[in-house]
C-alpha cells in the first residue's frame, strides 16, 4: 500500500512541479520572440488537456457499460 501511495504522490509532485515551473517562467504574450537564453515551457498544457478529456470520456464510457 505504501508503494502505491508513493507512486501516486511522486506522479502528483512531478506534474505539480512542471505546472508551477511553466506558470512562473512562461514567456508573456507581450514579450518579443524567445531567445536561446529565455525559459521555455516544459509541458504543452493544451495537449495535456485534450488527452485528459479523451481519457475521461473513455472511462465514463466504460463505466456506463459496467452499469448496464
C-alpha atoms as a PDB file:
ATOM      1  CA  UNK A   1       0.000   0.000   0.000  1.00  0.00           C
ATOM      2  CA  UNK A   2       2.863   2.366   0.779  1.00  0.00           C
ATOM      3  CA  UNK A   3       4.409   1.720  -2.635  1.00  0.00           C
ATOM      4  CA  UNK A   4       1.215   2.610  -4.473  1.00  0.00           C
ATOM      5  CA  UNK A   5       0.741   5.736  -2.352  1.00  0.00           C
ATOM      6  CA  UNK A   6       4.360   6.720  -3.008  1.00  0.00           C
ATOM      7  CA  UNK A   7       3.962   6.274  -6.755  1.00  0.00           C
ATOM      8  CA  UNK A   8       0.792   8.375  -6.813  1.00  0.00           C
ATOM      9  CA  UNK A   9       2.386  11.058  -4.655  1.00  0.00           C
ATOM     10  CA  UNK A  10       5.515  11.110  -6.838  1.00  0.00           C
ATOM     11  CA  UNK A  11       3.470  11.485 -10.035  1.00  0.00           C
ATOM     12  CA  UNK A  12       1.406  14.275  -8.484  1.00  0.00           C
ATOM     13  CA  UNK A  13       4.526  16.122  -7.316  1.00  0.00           C
ATOM     14  CA  UNK A  14       6.138  15.793 -10.752  1.00  0.00           C
ATOM     15  CA  UNK A  15       3.092  17.159 -12.567  1.00  0.00           C
ATOM     16  CA  UNK A  16       2.676  19.891  -9.962  1.00  0.00           C
ATOM     17  CA  UNK A  17       6.305  20.973 -10.244  1.00  0.00           C
ATOM     18  CA  UNK A  18       6.083  21.115 -14.051  1.00  0.00           C
ATOM     19  CA  UNK A  19       2.903  23.203 -13.813  1.00  0.00           C
ATOM     20  CA  UNK A  20       4.434  25.634 -11.317  1.00  0.00           C
ATOM     21  CA  UNK A  21       7.584  25.959 -13.446  1.00  0.00           C
ATOM     22  CA  UNK A  22       5.552  26.661 -16.575  1.00  0.00           C
ATOM     23  CA  UNK A  23       3.315  29.155 -14.770  1.00  0.00           C
ATOM     24  CA  UNK A  24       6.293  31.069 -13.379  1.00  0.00           C
ATOM     25  CA  UNK A  25       8.606  31.059 -16.380  1.00  0.00           C
ATOM     26  CA  UNK A  26       6.256  31.042 -19.376  1.00  0.00           C
ATOM     27  CA  UNK A  27       7.010  33.901 -21.753  1.00  0.00           C
ATOM     28  CA  UNK A  28       4.354  36.588 -21.727  1.00  0.00           C
ATOM     29  CA  UNK A  29       2.352  37.409 -24.843  1.00  0.00           C
ATOM     30  CA  UNK A  30       3.788  40.947 -24.995  1.00  0.00           C
ATOM     31  CA  UNK A  31       7.404  39.806 -24.987  1.00  0.00           C
ATOM     32  CA  UNK A  32       9.375  39.556 -28.232  1.00  0.00           C
ATOM     33  CA  UNK A  33      10.315  36.240 -29.819  1.00  0.00           C
ATOM     34  CA  UNK A  34      12.062  33.917 -27.349  1.00  0.00           C
ATOM     35  CA  UNK A  35      15.824  33.864 -27.394  1.00  0.00           C
ATOM     36  CA  UNK A  36      18.161  30.992 -26.662  1.00  0.00           C
ATOM     37  CA  UNK A  37      18.592  32.150 -23.052  1.00  0.00           C
ATOM     38  CA  UNK A  38      14.885  32.546 -22.256  1.00  0.00           C
ATOM     39  CA  UNK A  39      12.974  29.891 -20.341  1.00  0.00           C
ATOM     40  CA  UNK A  40      10.618  27.644 -22.291  1.00  0.00           C
ATOM     41  CA  UNK A  41       7.586  25.715 -21.123  1.00  0.00           C
ATOM     42  CA  UNK A  42       8.232  22.141 -20.077  1.00  0.00           C
ATOM     43  CA  UNK A  43       4.763  20.855 -20.996  1.00  0.00           C
ATOM     44  CA  UNK A  44       2.288  21.785 -23.723  1.00  0.00           C
ATOM     45  CA  UNK A  45      -0.760  22.090 -21.468  1.00  0.00           C
ATOM     46  CA  UNK A  46      -3.201  22.238 -24.401  1.00  0.00           C
ATOM     47  CA  UNK A  47      -2.162  18.716 -25.411  1.00  0.00           C
ATOM     48  CA  UNK A  48      -2.408  17.525 -21.794  1.00  0.00           C
ATOM     49  CA  UNK A  49      -5.928  18.963 -21.568  1.00  0.00           C
ATOM     50  CA  UNK A  50      -7.008  17.256 -24.803  1.00  0.00           C
ATOM     51  CA  UNK A  51      -5.576  13.901 -23.667  1.00  0.00           C
ATOM     52  CA  UNK A  52      -7.267  14.231 -20.270  1.00  0.00           C
ATOM     53  CA  UNK A  53     -10.631  14.862 -21.950  1.00  0.00           C
ATOM     54  CA  UNK A  54     -10.192  11.779 -24.139  1.00  0.00           C
ATOM     55  CA  UNK A  55      -9.224   9.624 -21.150  1.00  0.00           C
ATOM     56  CA  UNK A  56     -12.137  10.957 -19.111  1.00  0.00           C
ATOM     57  CA  UNK A  57     -14.624  10.176 -21.877  1.00  0.00           C
ATOM     58  CA  UNK A  58     -13.218   6.643 -22.272  1.00  0.00           C
ATOM     59  CA  UNK A  59     -13.517   5.997 -18.531  1.00  0.00           C
ATOM     60  CA  UNK A  60     -17.050   7.378 -18.499  1.00  0.00           C
ATOM     61  CA  UNK A  61     -17.971   5.133 -21.472  1.00  0.00           C
ATOM     62  CA  UNK A  62     -16.569   2.033 -19.762  1.00  0.00           C
ATOM     63  CA  UNK A  63     -18.382   2.939 -16.534  1.00  0.00           C
ATOM     64  CA  UNK A  64     -21.656   3.183 -18.448  1.00  0.00           C
ATOM     65  CA  UNK A  65     -21.006  -0.277 -19.918  1.00  0.00           C
ATOM     66  CA  UNK A  66     -20.430  -1.747 -16.448  1.00  0.00           C
ATOM     67  CA  UNK A  67     -23.648  -0.263 -15.125  1.00  0.00           C
ATOM     68  CA  UNK A  68     -25.780  -1.882 -17.835  1.00  0.00           C
END
